[in-house]
Amino acid sequence: AWETVYWKKKSAVDAVERGCIVCEEEQCDGTVGYGGSPDENGETTLDAMIMDGLCCFKIFQDFFLDFIKILRQVFSKIRTTMNMGAVGALRRVKNAISVARHVLDYTQHSLLVGDQATEFAVSMGFKEELLETNASTKIWQQWKQNNCQPNFWMLANTLAVLSSTAEDGEIKNVSPDPASTCGPYKPATNSLATKQHQQRGGKFGGEGNHDTIGMIAIDNQGKIAAGTSTNGASHKIPGYVVNQGKIAAGTSTNGASHKIPGYVVNKGKIAAGTSTNGASHKIPGNKHETFLSPKINKMHSCVLTSSRVGDSPIPGAGAYADGEVGAAAATGDGDVMMRFLPSLIAVEQLRSGVTPSAAGENALRRIVARYPDFVGGIVVLSIDGQYGAACHGMNTFKYSVCNQQLGELANALVVLSLTAEDGEIEVRISVG
């Protein structure tokens, strides 16, 4: 990424894409790219997002603030517009970040998912190939032999704690018991809740199962971009697209006409829920065909199939960029993080004048207040080049910084602790 933006003088978006490509190809920690994090069916799917921040004319901002305000008004139509492109549950295409870049560059949509995202990628010239490897298949087989533990199915006691609709402790669970056996599962009625609490946020967010490469870059024109790429959480439930209706007002829609297949409609303002049957006159994809994975020995349909999508392709959760103030990228339990949009919160904290470290810390506070066992981290970069990070639930959180002053990659360790008395997070940073 540094070589792209500094030596080759390319854009911040180019740098973010290139940096994530390297991690996808090298299968960073097994949590990025092909051959990692198999789902319940043993298949690896990919999520990625890239966001172009709003141009802020950084070169002149320190000396000509009033003039810049005029320039912004005059050139408002040619500024970058915080466009973003993302893919979720991408199947059988290795370079997810580049497919996300194509969504940004060639469509008016923001997020494509599932098999339709694959069809879009193939139509754009990407190669379709298996993402599973011998290593990922072995992980999946061992998980099956361990009675499919752990998994993402909700237990009755968890629902009793989280649901306000449960009456007298009687709520729906699934059968057979997901805590001791594999599925397939079906709803089971009249399950009595226990006092034991299954805490979301700490179970699946530990190192090795929290996803993501997150990357932020500022180019020599002062433009900022952010992006993420991941193969998601291991053993995720296939067929679950969690972004559908994530910020909604209880509305129902048939979506926009003529949309590209896989586009997810986000309708409404305040959290409740949405429902959609998609849009009329979708752009046609490839022909229907059946795909056999020899490593899994399972037939896969190439049409109308999606999978669970984590926080990484969701703007404001996995990453967010605004060229007026800065950008952030986060990692952790995606199902929890997308409820709080920590990257967006951190960027808005920068807007209020706090340091990058404090911005990241404050963003995590909102999560930890409701999920004390949450495990995750966040990196934050201001538009003037200041950087910081925060984490929770881990002793150290490593990230890399490269700029003209440092010259080379520098590992920065961020140590956080949650005090029992006031809930404040103490941060200590060392670079070296």
Protein backbone atom coordinates (compact mmCIF):
# COMPACT_ATOMS: atom_id res chain seq x y z
CA ALA A 1 0.00 0.00 0.00
CA TRP A 2 2.81 2.43 0.90
CA GLU A 3 4.64 1.73 -2.35
CA THR A 4 1.43 2.34 -4.28
CA VAL A 5 0.57 5.66 -2.68
CA TYR A 6 4.06 7.09 -2.11
CA TRP A 7 6.39 5.82 -4.81
CA LYS A 8 3.88 5.19 -7.59
CA LYS A 9 1.84 8.31 -6.71
CA LYS A 10 -1.44 6.50 -7.12
CA SER A 11 -4.67 7.21 -5.27
CA ALA A 12 -5.60 6.24 -1.73
CA VAL A 13 -8.23 3.88 -3.15
CA ASP A 14 -5.55 2.18 -5.25
CA ALA A 15 -3.33 1.82 -2.19
CA VAL A 16 -6.06 0.29 -0.04
CA GLU A 17 -6.99 -2.15 -2.79
CA ARG A 18 -3.39 -3.19 -3.38
CA GLY A 19 -2.65 -3.67 0.31
CA CYS A 20 -5.70 -5.86 0.81
CA ILE A 21 -4.88 -7.88 -2.32
CA VAL A 22 -1.52 -8.83 -0.83
CA CYS A 23 -3.18 -10.04 2.35
CA GLU A 24 -5.80 -11.98 0.39
CA GLU A 25 -3.15 -13.72 -1.66
CA GLU A 26 -0.95 -14.47 1.36
CA GLN A 27 -3.98 -15.67 3.39
CA CYS A 28 -3.07 -13.47 6.36
CA ASP A 29 -3.53 -15.46 9.58
CA GLY A 30 -5.98 -17.70 7.76
CA THR A 31 -8.69 -15.06 8.36
CA VAL A 32 -8.29 -13.24 5.03
CA GLY A 33 -8.60 -14.70 1.56
CA TYR A 34 -9.19 -18.22 0.34
CA GLY A 35 -8.63 -21.40 2.36
CA GLY A 36 -9.87 -20.21 5.75
CA SER A 37 -12.91 -19.88 8.02
CA PRO A 38 -15.16 -22.57 6.50
CA ASP A 39 -18.88 -22.18 7.15
CA GLU A 40 -21.18 -24.92 8.43
CA ASN A 41 -21.13 -26.53 4.99
CA GLY A 42 -17.34 -26.38 4.79
CA GLU A 43 -17.32 -23.59 2.20
CA THR A 44 -15.15 -20.46 2.37
CA THR A 45 -16.86 -17.22 1.37
CA LEU A 46 -15.39 -13.72 1.30
CA ASP A 47 -16.47 -10.23 2.37
CA ALA A 48 -14.76 -6.98 1.38
CA MET A 49 -15.43 -3.25 1.25
CA ILE A 50 -13.62 -0.17 -0.04
CA MET A 51 -14.69 3.42 0.65
CA ASP A 52 -13.55 6.64 -0.96
CA GLY A 53 -13.58 9.52 1.54
CA LEU A 54 -14.73 13.02 0.70
CA CYS A 55 -11.89 15.20 -0.64
CA CYS A 56 -10.82 17.91 1.77
CA PHE A 57 -8.16 19.83 -0.21
CA LYS A 58 -5.67 19.00 2.52
CA ILE A 59 -2.69 20.68 0.86
CA PHE A 60 -4.11 24.15 1.45
CA GLN A 61 -6.27 23.66 4.48
CA ASP A 62 -3.81 24.91 7.09
CA PHE A 63 -3.42 28.33 5.46
CA PHE A 64 -6.51 29.02 3.37
CA LEU A 65 -9.47 27.73 5.38
CA ASP A 66 -11.86 30.43 4.20
CA PHE A 67 -10.70 29.99 0.62
CA ILE A 68 -11.19 26.26 0.92
CA LYS A 69 -14.82 26.77 1.94
CA ILE A 70 -15.37 28.69 -1.27
CA LEU A 71 -13.59 26.02 -3.29
CA ARG A 72 -15.74 23.33 -1.78
CA GLN A 73 -18.87 25.15 -2.90
CA VAL A 74 -17.55 25.86 -6.38
CA PHE A 75 -16.18 22.36 -6.98
CA SER A 76 -18.78 20.42 -4.98
CA LYS A 77 -19.88 18.56 -8.10
CA ILE A 78 -16.42 17.20 -8.87
CA ARG A 79 -15.40 16.22 -5.37
CA THR A 80 -15.21 12.61 -4.39
CA THR A 81 -18.52 11.67 -2.82
CA MET A 82 -17.80 9.05 -0.16
CA ASN A 83 -18.64 6.33 -2.67
CA MET A 84 -18.14 2.77 -1.57
CA GLY A 85 -18.30 -0.70 -3.02
CA ALA A 86 -18.65 -3.97 -1.16
CA VAL A 87 -19.28 -7.67 -1.60
CA GLY A 88 -20.65 -10.10 0.95
CA ALA A 89 -20.68 -13.89 0.95
CA LEU A 90 -18.70 -13.85 -2.29
CA ARG A 91 -18.26 -17.41 -3.55
CA ARG A 92 -15.53 -18.89 -5.74
CA VAL A 93 -13.67 -15.64 -6.50
CA LYS A 94 -10.37 -15.01 -4.70
CA ASN A 95 -9.77 -11.24 -4.88
CA ALA A 96 -12.79 -9.94 -2.98
CA ILE A 97 -11.38 -6.44 -2.50
CA SER A 98 -10.97 -6.00 -6.26
CA VAL A 99 -14.54 -7.13 -6.88
CA ALA A 100 -15.62 -4.55 -4.29
CA ARG A 101 -13.57 -1.97 -6.20
CA HIS A 102 -15.46 -2.90 -9.37
CA VAL A 103 -18.76 -2.39 -7.54
CA LEU A 104 -17.51 1.09 -6.64
CA ASP A 105 -16.19 1.94 -10.10
CA TYR A 106 -18.77 0.40 -12.41
CA THR A 107 -22.12 0.44 -10.60
CA GLN A 108 -24.34 2.80 -8.64
CA HIS A 109 -24.83 0.17 -5.93
CA SER A 110 -22.95 -0.24 -2.68
CA LEU A 111 -23.22 -3.91 -1.72
CA LEU A 112 -23.58 -7.08 -3.80
CA VAL A 113 -23.99 -10.44 -2.08
CA GLY A 114 -23.98 -14.19 -2.64
CA ASP A 115 -24.04 -15.94 -5.97
CA GLN A 116 -25.17 -12.77 -7.69
CA ALA A 117 -21.96 -11.08 -6.51
CA THR A 118 -20.06 -13.98 -8.06
CA GLU A 119 -21.97 -13.56 -11.33
CA PHE A 120 -21.08 -9.87 -11.30
CA ALA A 121 -17.40 -10.67 -10.69
CA VAL A 122 -17.27 -13.19 -13.53
CA SER A 123 -18.94 -10.70 -15.87
CA MET A 124 -16.20 -8.22 -14.91
CA GLY A 125 -13.51 -10.72 -15.91
CA PHE A 126 -12.65 -12.38 -12.60
CA LYS A 127 -11.82 -16.08 -12.53
CA GLU A 128 -14.21 -18.49 -10.81
CA GLU A 129 -12.39 -21.12 -8.73
CA LEU A 130 -12.65 -23.06 -5.48
CA LEU A 131 -11.81 -21.16 -2.29
CA GLU A 132 -11.51 -24.27 -0.14
CA THR A 133 -8.13 -25.89 0.54
CA ASN A 134 -7.03 -29.08 2.25
CA ALA A 135 -6.40 -27.03 5.40
CA SER A 136 -9.86 -25.45 5.47
CA THR A 137 -11.51 -28.80 4.75
CA LYS A 138 -9.60 -30.34 7.68
CA ILE A 139 -10.79 -27.54 9.98
CA TRP A 140 -14.36 -28.19 8.92
CA GLN A 141 -14.06 -31.98 9.36
CA GLN A 142 -12.61 -31.56 12.86
CA TRP A 143 -15.45 -29.21 13.74
CA LYS A 144 -18.00 -31.79 12.59
CA GLN A 145 -16.27 -34.47 14.63
CA ASN A 146 -16.52 -32.17 17.66
CA ASN A 147 -20.32 -32.14 17.37
CA CYS A 148 -20.23 -28.82 15.51
CA GLN A 149 -18.88 -26.87 18.47
CA PRO A 150 -18.84 -23.91 18.65
CA ASN A 151 -21.65 -22.66 16.43
CA PHE A 152 -23.81 -19.58 15.95
CA TRP A 153 -27.19 -21.01 16.84
CA MET A 154 -29.05 -19.21 19.62
CA LEU A 155 -29.74 -21.07 22.84
CA ALA A 156 -32.96 -20.61 24.78
CA ASN A 157 -31.18 -18.99 27.72
CA THR A 158 -29.62 -16.43 25.40
CA LEU A 159 -33.00 -15.53 23.96
CA ALA A 160 -34.42 -15.10 27.45
CA VAL A 161 -31.78 -12.52 28.23
CA LEU A 162 -31.94 -10.65 24.92
CA SER A 163 -35.63 -10.88 24.04
CA SER A 164 -38.23 -8.59 25.57
CA THR A 165 -41.06 -10.68 24.13
CA ALA A 166 -40.44 -13.82 26.19
CA GLU A 167 -43.20 -14.45 28.71
CA ASP A 168 -42.68 -16.49 31.89
CA GLY A 169 -39.44 -17.88 30.54
CA GLU A 170 -41.13 -19.77 27.69
CA ILE A 171 -39.40 -19.05 24.40
CA LYS A 172 -38.52 -20.83 21.21
CA ASN A 173 -35.29 -22.75 20.90
CA VAL A 174 -33.98 -25.08 18.20
CA SER A 175 -33.88 -28.83 18.19
CA PRO A 176 -31.65 -30.80 18.49
CA ASP A 177 -29.64 -29.01 21.18
CA PRO A 178 -27.03 -26.85 19.33
CA ALA A 179 -24.77 -26.93 22.38
CA SER A 180 -24.14 -30.65 22.05
CA THR A 181 -24.93 -31.85 18.55
CA CYS A 182 -24.92 -30.91 14.88
CA GLY A 183 -27.97 -29.88 12.88
CA PRO A 184 -29.97 -29.55 10.82
CA TYR A 185 -31.96 -27.62 13.41
CA LYS A 186 -35.65 -26.86 13.60
CA PRO A 187 -37.62 -24.53 15.88
CA ALA A 188 -38.64 -26.11 19.18
CA THR A 189 -41.45 -24.53 21.19
CA ASN A 190 -41.95 -24.18 24.95
CA SER A 191 -38.29 -24.36 25.86
CA LEU A 192 -37.72 -23.12 29.41
CA ALA A 193 -34.99 -20.54 29.76
CA THR A 194 -32.28 -21.09 32.32
CA LYS A 195 -30.46 -18.54 34.45
CA GLN A 196 -27.20 -19.25 32.67
CA HIS A 197 -26.24 -16.46 30.28
CA GLN A 198 -24.56 -17.09 26.96
CA GLN A 199 -22.69 -13.85 26.31
CA ARG A 200 -22.45 -12.67 22.73
CA GLY A 201 -19.33 -10.79 21.76
CA GLY A 202 -16.64 -12.80 23.51
CA LYS A 203 -17.31 -16.32 22.29
CA PHE A 204 -16.40 -15.87 18.64
CA GLY A 205 -14.33 -12.71 18.62
CA GLY A 206 -11.01 -14.05 19.85
CA GLU A 207 -7.78 -14.02 17.89
CA GLY A 208 -7.99 -16.30 14.87
CA ASN A 209 -11.76 -15.93 14.52
CA HIS A 210 -12.43 -12.22 14.35
CA ASP A 211 -11.83 -11.66 10.63
CA THR A 212 -10.28 -8.77 9.03
CA ILE A 213 -7.51 -6.89 7.34
CA GLY A 214 -8.43 -3.22 7.70
CA MET A 215 -6.47 -0.59 5.79
CA ILE A 216 -6.51 3.23 5.59
CA ALA A 217 -4.48 5.41 3.21
CA ILE A 218 -4.01 9.12 2.46
CA ASP A 219 -2.55 9.97 -0.94
CA ASN A 220 -0.43 12.95 -1.97
CA GLN A 221 -3.54 14.92 -2.89
CA GLY A 222 -4.88 14.60 0.63
CA LYS A 223 -7.60 12.13 -0.29
CA ILE A 224 -8.37 9.33 2.13
CA ALA A 225 -9.75 5.83 1.62
CA ALA A 226 -10.43 2.82 3.82
CA GLY A 227 -11.10 -0.83 3.13
CA THR A 228 -11.46 -4.29 4.62
CA SER A 229 -11.21 -7.88 3.44
CA THR A 230 -12.02 -11.08 5.30
CA ASN A 231 -13.23 -14.65 5.00
CA GLY A 232 -15.38 -14.06 8.06
CA ALA A 233 -16.00 -16.13 11.13
CA SER A 234 -15.38 -19.85 11.12
CA HIS A 235 -18.47 -22.10 11.13
CA LYS A 236 -20.88 -19.28 10.25
CA ILE A 237 -24.40 -20.27 9.25
CA PRO A 238 -24.81 -20.39 5.44
CA GLY A 239 -27.70 -18.47 3.95
CA TYR A 240 -27.76 -15.65 6.49
CA VAL A 241 -27.34 -12.09 5.20
CA VAL A 242 -27.33 -9.94 8.31
CA ASN A 243 -27.24 -6.58 6.53
CA GLN A 244 -30.80 -6.93 5.23
CA GLY A 245 -32.80 -4.23 7.00
CA LYS A 246 -30.00 -3.37 9.40
CA ILE A 247 -31.16 0.25 9.78
CA ALA A 248 -34.84 0.27 9.10
CA ALA A 249 -38.18 1.65 10.19
CA GLY A 250 -40.35 -1.40 9.94
CA THR A 251 -40.97 -0.89 6.23
CA SER A 252 -41.45 -3.27 3.35
CA THR A 253 -40.28 -2.62 -0.20
CA ASN A 254 -39.72 -4.34 -3.50
CA GLY A 255 -36.54 -2.31 -3.92
CA ALA A 256 -35.25 -0.20 -6.78
CA SER A 257 -36.00 -1.08 -10.37
CA HIS A 258 -33.26 -2.38 -12.66
CA LYS A 259 -30.84 -3.13 -9.84
CA ILE A 260 -27.86 -5.44 -10.27
CA PRO A 261 -28.51 -8.92 -8.76
CA GLY A 262 -27.24 -9.16 -5.20
CA TYR A 263 -27.91 -5.51 -4.32
CA VAL A 264 -29.17 -5.20 -0.73
CA VAL A 265 -31.80 -2.50 -0.18
CA ASN A 266 -31.50 -0.56 3.07
CA LYS A 267 -34.83 1.12 3.75
CA GLY A 268 -35.87 3.40 6.56
CA LYS A 269 -34.34 5.33 9.44
CA ILE A 270 -34.70 3.74 12.89
CA ALA A 271 -33.99 0.12 13.82
CA ALA A 272 -36.89 -2.29 13.44
CA GLY A 273 -36.78 -4.38 10.28
CA THR A 274 -37.36 -4.48 6.55
CA SER A 275 -38.49 -7.00 4.01
CA THR A 276 -37.95 -7.02 0.26
CA ASN A 277 -38.46 -9.33 -2.70
CA GLY A 278 -35.77 -7.52 -4.65
CA ALA A 279 -36.27 -5.41 -7.75
CA SER A 280 -37.84 -5.80 -11.15
CA HIS A 281 -35.69 -6.00 -14.27
CA LYS A 282 -32.48 -7.10 -12.60
CA ILE A 283 -29.39 -7.25 -14.78
CA PRO A 284 -29.20 -10.90 -15.87
CA GLY A 285 -26.33 -12.98 -14.54
CA ASN A 286 -24.75 -16.15 -15.85
CA LYS A 287 -26.90 -19.13 -16.75
CA HIS A 288 -28.12 -21.43 -14.00
CA GLU A 289 -25.69 -24.22 -13.39
CA THR A 290 -24.83 -26.67 -10.63
CA PHE A 291 -21.43 -26.59 -9.00
CA LEU A 292 -19.81 -29.61 -7.32
CA SER A 293 -17.14 -29.01 -4.69
CA PRO A 294 -14.93 -32.13 -4.62
CA LYS A 295 -13.40 -31.15 -1.27
CA ILE A 296 -16.78 -30.94 0.42
CA ASN A 297 -18.63 -33.46 -1.75
CA LYS A 298 -21.67 -31.21 -1.75
CA MET A 299 -23.71 -29.76 -4.58
CA HIS A 300 -23.99 -25.96 -4.66
CA SER A 301 -26.48 -23.94 -6.68
CA CYS A 302 -24.94 -20.98 -8.49
CA VAL A 303 -28.14 -18.96 -8.34
CA LEU A 304 -30.17 -17.38 -5.53
CA THR A 305 -27.88 -18.45 -2.71
CA SER A 306 -26.33 -16.17 -0.13
CA SER A 307 -24.47 -16.66 3.11
CA ARG A 308 -23.89 -14.96 6.42
CA VAL A 309 -22.23 -11.57 6.03
CA GLY A 310 -20.21 -10.01 8.84
CA ASP A 311 -19.39 -6.40 9.60
CA SER A 312 -16.52 -6.03 7.13
CA PRO A 313 -18.56 -4.97 4.06
CA ILE A 314 -20.88 -2.74 6.09
CA PRO A 315 -19.88 0.95 5.94
CA GLY A 316 -19.47 2.35 9.44
CA ALA A 317 -18.92 -1.09 10.95
CA GLY A 318 -15.91 -2.64 9.19
CA ALA A 319 -14.55 0.68 7.94
CA TYR A 320 -15.51 4.28 7.22
CA ALA A 321 -13.78 7.20 5.51
CA ASP A 322 -14.60 10.90 5.43
CA GLY A 323 -11.97 13.13 3.89
CA GLU A 324 -13.01 16.09 6.02
CA VAL A 325 -11.77 14.40 9.21
CA GLY A 326 -10.29 10.92 8.69
CA ALA A 327 -11.05 7.22 8.59
CA ALA A 328 -11.27 4.11 10.77
CA ALA A 329 -11.24 0.33 10.35
CA ALA A 330 -12.37 -2.17 12.98
CA THR A 331 -12.32 -5.90 13.66
CA GLY A 332 -14.11 -8.17 16.11
CA ASP A 333 -17.46 -9.95 16.40
CA GLY A 334 -19.15 -8.64 13.27
CA ASP A 335 -22.69 -9.47 14.33
CA VAL A 336 -22.21 -7.27 17.39
CA MET A 337 -20.17 -4.54 15.71
CA MET A 338 -22.68 -3.77 12.98
CA ARG A 339 -25.17 -2.88 15.69
CA PHE A 340 -22.89 -0.10 16.93
CA LEU A 341 -21.01 1.06 13.78
CA PRO A 342 -17.73 1.68 15.64
CA SER A 343 -15.83 2.94 12.57
CA LEU A 344 -18.45 5.61 11.92
CA ILE A 345 -18.51 6.57 15.61
CA ALA A 346 -14.72 6.92 15.64
CA VAL A 347 -14.74 9.16 12.55
CA GLU A 348 -17.45 11.35 14.07
CA GLN A 349 -15.37 11.53 17.24
CA LEU A 350 -12.53 12.93 15.12
CA ARG A 351 -14.94 15.56 13.85
CA SER A 352 -15.55 16.66 17.44
CA GLY A 353 -11.82 17.24 17.91
CA VAL A 354 -10.62 14.23 19.91
CA THR A 355 -7.39 12.36 19.15
CA PRO A 356 -7.45 9.17 17.03
CA SER A 357 -6.70 7.01 20.08
CA ALA A 358 -9.50 8.60 22.09
CA ALA A 359 -11.85 8.31 19.09
CA GLY A 360 -11.22 4.57 18.88
CA GLU A 361 -11.58 4.16 22.61
CA ASN A 362 -14.88 6.03 22.72
CA ALA A 363 -16.23 3.94 19.85
CA LEU A 364 -15.46 0.73 21.73
CA ARG A 365 -17.02 2.05 24.95
CA ARG A 366 -20.45 1.86 23.37
CA ILE A 367 -19.97 -1.81 22.61
CA VAL A 368 -18.35 -2.77 25.91
CA ALA A 369 -21.12 -1.08 27.90
CA ARG A 370 -23.56 -3.68 26.57
CA TYR A 371 -21.19 -6.54 25.75
CA PRO A 372 -18.50 -6.62 28.48
CA ASP A 373 -16.88 -9.73 26.98
CA PHE A 374 -16.50 -8.18 23.54
CA VAL A 375 -13.16 -8.87 21.84
CA GLY A 376 -12.07 -6.52 19.09
CA GLY A 377 -9.96 -3.60 17.99
CA ILE A 378 -10.01 -0.46 15.88
CA VAL A 379 -7.46 1.72 14.08
CA VAL A 380 -8.09 5.41 13.40
CA LEU A 381 -6.32 7.88 11.09
CA SER A 382 -7.03 11.61 11.00
CA ILE A 383 -6.80 13.54 7.75
CA ASP A 384 -3.67 15.34 8.98
CA GLY A 385 -1.84 12.04 9.46
CA GLN A 386 -2.27 11.43 13.19
CA TYR A 387 -3.03 7.83 14.05
CA GLY A 388 -4.09 5.71 16.99
CA ALA A 389 -5.84 2.51 17.94
CA ALA A 390 -7.83 0.88 20.70
CA CYS A 391 -8.87 -2.64 21.61
CA HIS A 392 -10.78 -4.60 24.20
CA GLY A 393 -10.56 -8.16 25.44
CA MET A 394 -6.95 -8.72 24.34
CA ASN A 395 -3.65 -7.81 25.95
CA THR A 396 -2.13 -6.28 22.84
CA PHE A 397 -3.41 -5.23 19.46
CA LYS A 398 -0.79 -4.89 16.72
CA TYR A 399 -1.11 -2.61 13.75
CA SER A 400 1.32 -1.15 11.21
CA VAL A 401 2.01 2.45 10.28
CA CYS A 402 3.99 3.75 7.33
CA ASN A 403 4.66 7.42 6.54
CA GLN A 404 7.49 9.67 5.40
CA GLN A 405 8.78 10.15 8.94
CA LEU A 406 8.95 6.47 9.84
CA GLY A 407 10.06 5.37 6.39
CA GLU A 408 9.33 1.70 7.07
CA LEU A 409 6.57 -0.29 8.63
CA ALA A 410 6.40 0.24 12.38
CA ASN A 411 4.51 -2.12 14.67
CA ALA A 412 2.48 -0.30 17.31
CA LEU A 413 1.23 -2.14 20.37
CA VAL A 414 -1.96 -0.92 22.03
CA VAL A 415 -2.76 -2.18 25.52
CA LEU A 416 -6.16 -1.52 27.06
CA SER A 417 -7.74 -2.42 30.38
CA LEU A 418 -11.28 -1.94 31.60
CA THR A 419 -11.37 -0.71 35.20
CA ALA A 420 -14.00 -2.25 37.42
CA GLU A 421 -14.82 1.01 39.25
CA ASP A 422 -15.72 3.45 36.50
CA GLY A 423 -15.57 1.40 33.32
CA GLU A 424 -12.92 3.61 31.79
CA ILE A 425 -10.40 2.17 29.36
CA GLU A 426 -6.77 3.03 29.92
CA VAL A 427 -4.58 3.13 26.82
CA ARG A 428 -0.83 2.74 26.53
CA ILE A 429 0.86 2.90 23.12
CA SER A 430 4.41 2.00 22.14
CA VAL A 431 5.85 2.16 18.64
CA GLY A 432 8.85 0.19 17.56
